[in-house]
Protein backbone atom coordinates (compact mmCIF):
# COMPACT_ATOMS: atom_id res chain seq x y z
CA MET A 1 -0.19 0.01 0.00
CA GLN A 2 1.21 3.51 -0.94
CA PRO A 3 1.61 5.89 1.85
CA ARG A 4 -1.07 8.77 1.38
CA SER A 5 0.45 11.84 -0.27
CA CYS A 6 0.27 15.41 1.44
CA TRP A 7 0.12 17.19 -1.32
CA GLY A 8 -3.80 17.76 -1.16
CA TRP A 9 -3.72 18.58 2.82
CA CYS A 10 -0.85 20.02 2.85
CA GLY A 11 -1.92 22.62 0.13
CA ALA A 12 -5.21 23.20 1.33
CA ALA A 13 -3.43 23.74 4.57
CA ALA A 14 -1.16 26.86 3.13
CA VAL A 15 -4.24 28.14 1.06
CA LEU A 16 -5.66 28.29 4.90
CA PHE A 17 -2.92 29.92 6.47
CA ALA A 18 -2.64 32.15 3.35
CA VAL A 19 -6.01 32.97 3.39
CA GLY A 20 -6.00 34.05 7.27
CA PHE A 21 -2.66 35.81 7.45
CA ALA A 22 -4.32 37.72 4.55
CA VAL A 23 -7.14 38.51 6.92
CA LEU A 24 -5.20 38.60 10.03
CA GLN A 25 -2.82 41.84 8.04
CA ARG A 26 -5.81 43.69 6.99
CA SER A 27 -7.26 43.85 10.90
CA ALA A 28 -6.86 46.93 12.69
CA TRP A 29 -4.95 44.88 15.38
CA TRP A 30 -1.88 44.10 13.15
CA ALA A 31 -2.52 47.23 11.09
CA GLY A 32 -2.58 49.98 13.83
CA HIS A 33 -5.58 51.03 12.09
CA ASP A 34 -8.89 50.15 10.74
CA MET A 35 -9.19 49.31 6.86
CA ASN A 36 -12.43 50.53 7.19
CA ASN A 37 -11.84 53.85 8.42
CA CYS A 38 -14.56 54.01 11.09
CA ALA A 39 -17.19 53.84 8.11
CA ASN A 40 -20.41 54.12 9.83
CA CYS A 41 -19.01 56.60 12.38
CA GLU A 42 -20.99 59.89 13.48
CA ALA A 43 -20.13 62.98 15.15
CA ARG A 44 -21.96 62.60 18.12
CA ILE A 45 -19.97 65.14 20.62
CA ASP A 46 -21.96 68.47 21.64
CA TRP A 47 -18.65 70.89 21.03
CA THR A 48 -20.35 74.07 21.26
CA SER A 49 -18.34 75.09 24.26
CA GLU A 50 -15.21 74.23 22.77
CA LYS A 51 -15.82 76.04 19.53
CA ALA A 52 -16.90 79.16 21.52
CA TYR A 53 -13.42 78.81 23.23
CA SER A 54 -11.67 82.50 22.52
CA ILE A 55 -7.56 82.30 21.42
CA SER A 56 -6.36 85.60 22.63
CA ARG A 57 -3.84 87.57 20.59
CA SER A 58 -1.16 86.60 23.73
CA VAL A 59 -1.61 83.03 23.18
CA LYS A 60 -1.31 83.84 18.99
CA ARG A 61 1.94 85.40 19.82
CA GLN A 62 3.35 83.14 22.29
CA LEU A 63 2.77 80.34 19.79
CA LEU A 64 4.59 82.45 17.03
CA ARG A 65 7.40 83.31 19.36
CA ASP A 66 7.99 80.41 21.26
CA GLY A 67 6.70 77.47 19.75
CA ALA A 68 4.14 76.13 22.36
CA VAL A 69 1.33 77.30 24.22
CA VAL A 70 -0.95 76.17 26.88
CA MET A 71 -4.88 76.96 26.13
CA ARG A 72 -6.15 77.38 29.51
CA GLY A 73 -9.49 75.55 29.80
CA ALA A 74 -10.46 74.97 26.81
CA LEU A 75 -12.00 71.67 27.42
CA GLN A 76 -14.50 70.27 29.77
CA PRO A 77 -13.17 67.75 31.93
CA SER A 78 -16.14 65.54 31.08
CA LEU A 79 -15.17 65.07 28.13
CA ILE A 80 -11.52 64.24 29.46
CA GLU A 81 -13.08 61.47 31.49
CA LYS A 82 -15.11 59.74 28.39
CA LEU A 83 -11.61 60.53 26.57
CA ALA A 84 -9.58 58.70 28.86
CA ALA A 85 -12.45 55.77 29.06
CA GLU A 86 -12.14 55.23 25.32
CA CYS A 87 -8.25 54.95 25.46
CA GLU A 88 -8.74 52.18 27.56
CA ARG A 89 -11.69 50.19 25.59
CA ILE A 90 -9.38 50.78 22.52
CA PRO A 91 -7.61 47.47 22.16
CA ARG A 92 -3.39 47.49 22.28
CA SER A 93 -2.59 46.95 18.45
CA PHE A 94 0.61 44.60 18.06
CA THR A 95 2.12 47.45 16.09
CA SER A 96 1.46 48.97 19.89
CA MET A 97 3.23 45.98 21.19
CA MET A 98 6.09 45.78 18.46
CA TRP A 99 7.46 49.00 19.23
CA SER A 100 7.15 49.37 23.41
CA ALA A 101 8.94 45.29 23.12
CA LEU A 102 11.65 46.39 20.57
CA PHE A 103 12.36 50.26 20.27
CA LEU A 104 10.06 52.10 22.65
CA ARG A 105 10.70 50.33 25.53
CA PHE A 106 9.26 53.05 27.89
CA TYR A 107 6.37 53.31 26.49
CA LEU A 108 3.25 51.34 28.17
CA ARG A 109 1.62 51.93 24.69
CA TYR A 110 1.73 54.36 21.06
CA GLU A 111 -1.09 54.16 18.85
CA HIS A 112 -1.93 56.31 16.08
CA ALA A 113 -4.77 57.00 13.55
CA LEU A 114 -7.26 56.51 16.35
CA GLN A 115 -9.36 58.26 14.08
CA THR A 116 -9.95 55.39 11.74
CA ARG A 117 -10.81 52.65 14.92
CA SER A 118 -13.28 54.66 17.48
CA GLU A 119 -16.35 56.76 16.73
CA LEU A 120 -15.47 58.70 19.81
CA MET A 121 -11.67 59.32 18.59
CA ARG A 122 -13.13 60.13 15.13
CA ASP A 123 -15.80 63.11 16.79
CA TRP A 124 -12.53 64.31 18.50
CA ALA A 125 -9.75 64.40 15.45
CA VAL A 126 -12.07 65.01 12.99
CA HIS A 127 -15.28 67.42 13.86
CA GLY A 128 -14.02 68.81 16.99
CA PRO A 129 -12.82 71.77 17.82
CA PHE A 130 -9.05 71.48 17.23
CA GLY A 131 -9.26 72.18 13.14
CA MET A 132 -11.04 75.49 13.91
CA TRP A 133 -8.69 76.35 16.76
CA ALA A 134 -5.40 75.37 14.29
CA ALA A 135 -6.91 77.73 11.22
CA LYS A 136 -6.44 80.43 14.28
CA LEU A 137 -3.13 79.84 15.53
CA LEU A 138 -2.11 79.21 11.62
CA GLY A 139 -3.79 81.95 9.95
CA VAL A 140 -5.40 79.47 7.14
CA GLU A 141 -8.35 79.06 5.59
CA GLU A 142 -8.37 75.33 5.33
CA VAL A 143 -7.14 72.20 7.76
CA ARG A 144 -6.25 68.56 7.46
CA LEU A 145 -5.60 66.04 10.14
CA TYR A 146 -1.92 64.63 9.72
CA ASN A 147 -2.32 61.72 12.42
CA SER A 148 -3.87 61.35 15.68
CA GLU A 149 -1.80 59.56 18.61
CA MET A 150 -2.23 57.64 22.18
CA ILE A 151 0.87 57.70 24.01
CA PHE A 152 1.27 55.84 27.65
CA HIS A 153 4.22 55.66 29.61
CA LYS A 154 5.63 52.84 31.88
CA GLY A 155 6.39 55.22 34.37
CA SER A 156 8.46 53.24 36.82
CA ASP A 157 8.09 50.05 35.64
CA SER A 158 9.64 50.73 32.51
CA PRO A 159 13.05 49.12 32.18
CA LEU A 160 14.93 52.42 31.15
CA PRO A 161 15.09 55.39 33.64
CA CYS A 162 13.70 58.52 32.76
CA LYS A 163 15.40 61.14 31.08
CA PRO A 164 14.97 63.88 28.66
CA ALA A 165 15.14 63.02 24.68
CA TRP A 166 15.27 66.06 22.30
CA HIS A 167 13.85 66.18 19.55
CA ARG A 168 11.40 67.78 16.87
CA ASP A 169 8.68 66.73 15.14
CA THR A 170 9.62 67.36 12.09
CA LEU A 171 11.18 63.75 10.95
CA ALA A 172 7.34 62.52 11.81
CA ALA A 173 5.47 65.00 9.67
CA PRO A 174 4.61 64.16 6.18
CA PHE A 175 5.13 67.58 4.28
CA GLN A 176 8.32 69.73 4.13
CA SER A 177 9.25 71.82 7.24
CA ASP A 178 7.59 74.78 6.09
CA ALA A 179 4.21 74.03 5.83
CA ARG A 180 2.62 75.47 8.51
CA SER A 181 1.17 73.01 11.50
CA VAL A 182 0.27 72.23 14.87
CA THR A 183 -0.18 69.55 17.50
CA PHE A 184 -2.69 69.68 19.98
CA ASN A 185 -1.58 67.58 23.23
CA VAL A 186 -4.35 66.66 25.45
CA TYR A 187 -3.09 64.94 28.99
CA LEU A 188 -5.64 62.80 30.84
CA ASP A 189 -4.20 63.97 34.19
CA ASP A 190 -2.70 67.24 35.76
CA ILE A 191 1.44 67.30 34.77
CA GLY A 192 4.19 69.32 34.89
CA ALA A 193 8.11 69.42 34.39
CA ASP A 194 8.44 67.80 38.20
CA GLY A 195 6.87 66.86 41.38
CA PRO A 196 4.65 63.46 40.98
CA HIS A 197 3.28 63.87 38.21
CA GLY A 198 6.09 65.30 36.69
CA ASP A 199 7.96 64.29 33.22
CA GLY A 200 5.96 66.81 30.92
CA LEU A 201 6.83 68.18 27.77
CA ILE A 202 9.61 71.70 27.90
CA PHE A 203 10.34 73.50 25.07
CA GLN A 204 14.08 75.46 23.87
CA ARG A 205 11.64 78.64 22.77
CA GLY A 206 11.58 80.05 19.82
CA SER A 207 13.65 77.11 18.05
CA HIS A 208 11.34 76.27 15.83
CA LYS A 209 12.12 79.42 13.63
CA THR A 210 15.58 77.61 12.32
CA LEU A 211 16.13 73.69 11.73
CA ASP A 212 19.76 74.23 10.84
CA SER A 213 20.72 73.12 14.53
CA PRO A 214 19.54 73.54 18.20
CA ARG A 215 19.19 76.72 19.48
CA SER A 216 22.33 77.61 22.02
CA THR A 217 19.53 79.88 24.46
CA LYS A 218 19.13 78.32 27.59
CA GLY A 219 14.92 79.94 27.12
CA ILE A 220 13.57 76.98 28.47
CA TYR A 221 9.15 77.05 28.34
CA GLU A 222 8.26 74.70 31.30
CA PRO A 223 4.43 74.24 31.36
CA SER A 224 1.94 72.85 33.98
CA ILE A 225 -1.04 71.29 32.99
CA ALA A 226 -4.79 71.00 34.12
CA VAL A 227 -6.94 68.43 33.12
CA GLY A 228 -8.39 70.62 30.13
CA ASP A 229 -6.25 72.68 29.07
CA VAL A 230 -4.58 71.91 26.26
CA LEU A 231 -1.18 71.79 24.79
CA ALA A 232 -0.58 73.30 21.63
CA HIS A 233 3.13 73.32 19.88
CA ASP A 234 4.44 73.79 16.34
CA PRO A 235 6.15 70.71 15.42
CA ASN A 236 9.35 72.21 14.22
CA VAL A 237 10.19 73.44 17.95
CA TYR A 238 12.95 71.66 20.25
CA HIS A 239 11.24 69.41 22.77
CA THR A 240 10.94 66.60 25.07
CA THR A 241 9.83 65.45 28.29
CA SER A 242 11.57 66.60 31.58
CA GLY A 243 13.17 63.29 32.31
CA ARG A 244 12.72 65.15 36.72
CA GLY A 245 9.51 62.35 37.23
CA CYS A 246 8.47 59.07 36.10
CA TRP A 247 4.88 57.95 36.49
CA ARG A 248 2.66 56.57 33.83
CA ARG A 249 1.73 60.06 31.99
CA ARG A 250 -1.55 59.83 29.87
CA SER A 251 -1.75 62.19 26.24
CA LEU A 252 -3.48 62.04 23.06
CA GLN A 253 -1.45 64.10 20.37
CA PHE A 254 -4.04 65.69 17.62
CA ARG A 255 -1.62 67.06 14.86
CA TYR A 256 -3.00 69.33 11.61
CA VAL A 257 -1.53 70.96 9.12
CA GLU A 258 -2.90 73.61 6.49
CA GLY A 259 -4.88 72.84 3.46
CA ASN A 260 -3.07 72.78 -0.15
CA THR A 261 -0.44 70.77 1.01
CA GLN A 262 2.08 68.50 -0.72
CA PHE A 263 2.88 64.74 0.27
CA ALA A 264 6.92 64.19 1.55
CA PHE A 265 8.35 61.45 3.10
CA ASN A 266 10.67 59.76 1.90
CA ALA A 267 13.27 57.21 2.92
CA SER A 268 15.88 59.69 3.45
CA ARG A 269 15.30 60.28 7.21
CA MET A 270 15.26 58.05 10.49
CA HIS A 271 13.42 54.32 10.29
CA PRO A 272 11.90 52.87 11.85
CA ALA A 273 9.76 54.60 14.27
CA PRO A 274 6.18 54.74 14.64
CA TRP A 275 5.93 57.44 12.30
CA THR A 276 7.43 55.26 9.38
CA LEU A 277 3.84 52.79 9.24
CA ALA A 278 2.02 55.78 9.55
CA HIS A 279 3.80 57.79 6.50
CA SER A 280 5.99 55.71 4.55
CA PRO A 281 3.88 55.15 1.34
CA GLU A 282 5.96 51.90 1.35
CA VAL A 283 3.99 50.48 4.34
CA ALA A 284 1.07 52.97 5.01
CA PRO A 285 -2.14 52.84 3.59
CA HIS A 286 -2.54 56.28 1.64
CA GLY A 287 -1.62 55.48 -2.13
CA LEU A 288 0.50 58.82 -2.07
CA SER A 289 3.88 59.70 -3.87
CA ASP A 290 6.33 62.80 -3.07
CA GLY A 291 4.44 65.87 -4.81
CA ASP A 292 0.46 64.74 -4.25
CA ALA A 293 -1.62 66.42 -3.05
CA LEU A 294 -2.07 65.65 0.80
CA ALA A 295 -5.71 64.80 1.18
CA GLY A 296 -8.13 61.39 0.97
CA PRO A 297 -9.53 59.57 3.49
CA TRP A 298 -6.13 59.38 5.49
CA TYR A 299 -5.24 63.21 6.04
CA PRO A 300 -8.97 63.99 5.70
CA ARG A 301 -9.88 67.86 5.90
CA VAL A 302 -11.59 68.42 9.16
CA TYR A 303 -11.96 72.66 8.48
CA PRO A 304 -13.88 75.02 7.28
CA SER A 305 -15.77 71.33 7.12
CA PRO A 306 -15.10 67.61 6.70
CA LEU A 307 -15.72 65.85 3.33
CA GLU A 308 -18.00 63.08 3.17
CA SER A 309 -16.22 61.67 -0.33
CA GLU A 310 -12.79 61.03 2.22
CA HIS A 311 -15.18 59.19 4.77
CA THR A 312 -13.96 56.02 3.10
CA PRO A 313 -12.32 52.59 3.71
CA LEU A 314 -8.81 52.48 3.26
CA GLY A 315 -7.23 51.65 0.15
CA GLY A 316 -3.13 51.75 0.34
CA ASN A 317 -0.87 49.12 1.48
CA ILE A 318 -1.03 46.27 4.22
CA TRP A 319 2.17 47.24 5.85
CA SER A 320 4.47 43.60 6.05
CA PHE A 321 7.81 43.16 7.69
CA GLY A 322 9.46 42.55 4.12
CA ALA A 323 8.30 46.09 2.87
CA LEU A 324 9.24 47.43 6.67
CA LEU A 325 13.11 45.90 6.85
CA ARG A 326 13.82 47.10 3.27
CA LEU A 327 12.82 51.18 4.03
CA VAL A 328 14.56 50.48 6.85
CA ASP A 329 18.38 48.76 4.91
CA ARG A 330 17.14 51.54 2.32
CA SER A 331 17.13 54.52 4.91
CA ALA A 332 20.27 52.92 6.79
CA LYS A 333 22.16 53.69 3.53
CA LEU A 334 21.40 56.69 3.01
CA MET A 335 21.88 58.28 5.77
CA LYS A 336 26.11 58.34 5.06
CA ASP A 337 27.54 59.58 1.36
CA THR A 338 29.87 57.33 -0.20
CA SER A 339 32.68 58.92 1.95
CA GLY A 340 30.59 57.69 5.00
CA HIS A 341 29.97 61.53 5.95
CA PRO A 342 25.66 62.31 7.01
CA THR A 343 24.42 63.24 4.07
CA ARG A 344 23.28 66.55 3.56
CA GLY A 345 19.26 67.00 3.62
CA TYR A 346 19.12 63.73 5.99
CA LEU A 347 16.43 63.99 8.44
CA THR A 348 16.87 63.18 12.00
CA LEU A 349 15.28 63.68 15.48
CA ASP A 350 17.37 66.80 15.96
CA GLY A 351 16.19 68.16 12.26
CA PRO A 352 18.29 68.30 9.20
CA VAL A 353 21.74 68.22 7.98
CA VAL A 354 22.09 71.13 7.00
CA ARG A 355 26.61 70.97 7.86
CA PRO A 356 27.87 67.37 7.86
CA ASP A 357 30.35 68.42 10.02
CA GLU A 358 28.05 69.54 12.88
CA TRP A 359 26.96 66.08 12.94
CA ALA A 360 28.08 62.77 14.73
CA PHE A 361 26.69 58.87 14.65
CA VAL A 362 25.79 57.88 18.13
CA PRO A 363 25.03 53.84 19.48
CA PHE A 364 21.66 53.84 19.31
CA PRO A 365 21.19 53.66 23.88
CA THR A 366 19.25 50.62 24.57
CA ASN A 367 20.72 47.86 22.82
CA ASP A 368 23.99 46.63 21.28
CA SER A 369 22.33 45.90 17.82
CA GLY A 370 25.11 48.03 16.26
CA ILE A 371 22.40 50.64 15.32
CA GLU A 372 23.95 54.49 14.98
CA LEU A 373 21.79 57.44 15.56
CA LEU A 374 22.94 61.00 13.66
CA MET A 375 22.54 63.55 16.31
CA HIS A 376 23.78 67.62 15.74
CA LYS A 377 27.07 67.52 18.03
CA ARG A 378 25.46 71.18 19.74
CA GLY A 379 22.01 68.96 20.31
CA ALA A 380 20.94 68.13 24.28
CA SER A 381 20.99 64.53 23.44
CA TYR A 382 24.23 64.11 21.84
CA LYS A 383 25.83 66.10 24.92
CA ALA A 384 24.08 63.75 26.70
CA ALA A 385 25.15 60.78 25.33
CA MET A 386 29.11 62.03 25.40
CA MET A 387 28.82 63.89 28.96
CA PRO A 388 25.94 61.50 31.04
CA PHE A 389 25.80 63.90 33.45
CA ALA A 390 25.55 67.23 32.89
CA THR A 391 22.98 69.31 32.33
CA PRO A 392 20.75 68.33 29.07
CA TYR A 393 20.41 71.86 28.20
């Protein structure tokens, strides 16, 4: 009797596995976003009070001058309570587990594109007051959302110490650095730079005005924030968490840019990072290339009003490890020129490389993988890496 061949059932098993994995890849758990783009979600929150909030001239002046400002009492605390409950309800994604396990080991959770995963989050990001506030702060007539994120820190449970990590969000923006944009930080608890609820964001005043190098000024803005306050900042401003407190801080970031902006997000920047999956054409679901209009379901218009035509399912890429690894490899090769020096124009946490001789390669601090970071020699992170006991700014 001939032994039974496994070709039949092995082939069927392979097909079932392929189909199952394809379904898994399209899930919000794997992708970190919902490909259905919250298709049946509606606006249900009454934002009347928030949209009546008056943005004073002094608030506008401070954002323009310093790059960051607190909008006091802009949100009702009851709304924050419901937002916090929704954060707990949203399941932790595979991508969040990947970042917190491999690279951002101090994060308990990092989730992006929240507007695709929850009706309440979409209400906040698309229909809430942020689009109108952004238009007033930036002096523009049209505003688009380019990300909504959740960041929860592990606090004292982190395997890494709480310490400053200076950076610019320019690296995580899918457009040229001269586009007018603003990020709104919403904290779920009171927070400041010091005290039991320390480790809040601090900023180098005016550092958003030039990206050539970190500013040498010691003018540091250290806001204290109560529940209901909103922290607004320019993505180009040099900032960090204070590192002087260590607790489970919880925050959400809603990021906006002026309309009529072109998409720009190539491989000549630091990868991998959470923003890689949010914006890189190789792995993000927007279907855009450099030079295309920043628009569509992934980057919806929010002001003066959302477009129904953009509230549709996402049709772009589903990220894969293969595509991600190829992108990381290409990014690493672009970081150095043919002579092994920093490549002019390469985008890093400290900003773009303008004068290569002012930059240095520094080993990645959390493992011995051989990964290098490119840092400006005048930057606080470089000084901390070279002189770990020095004042970081």
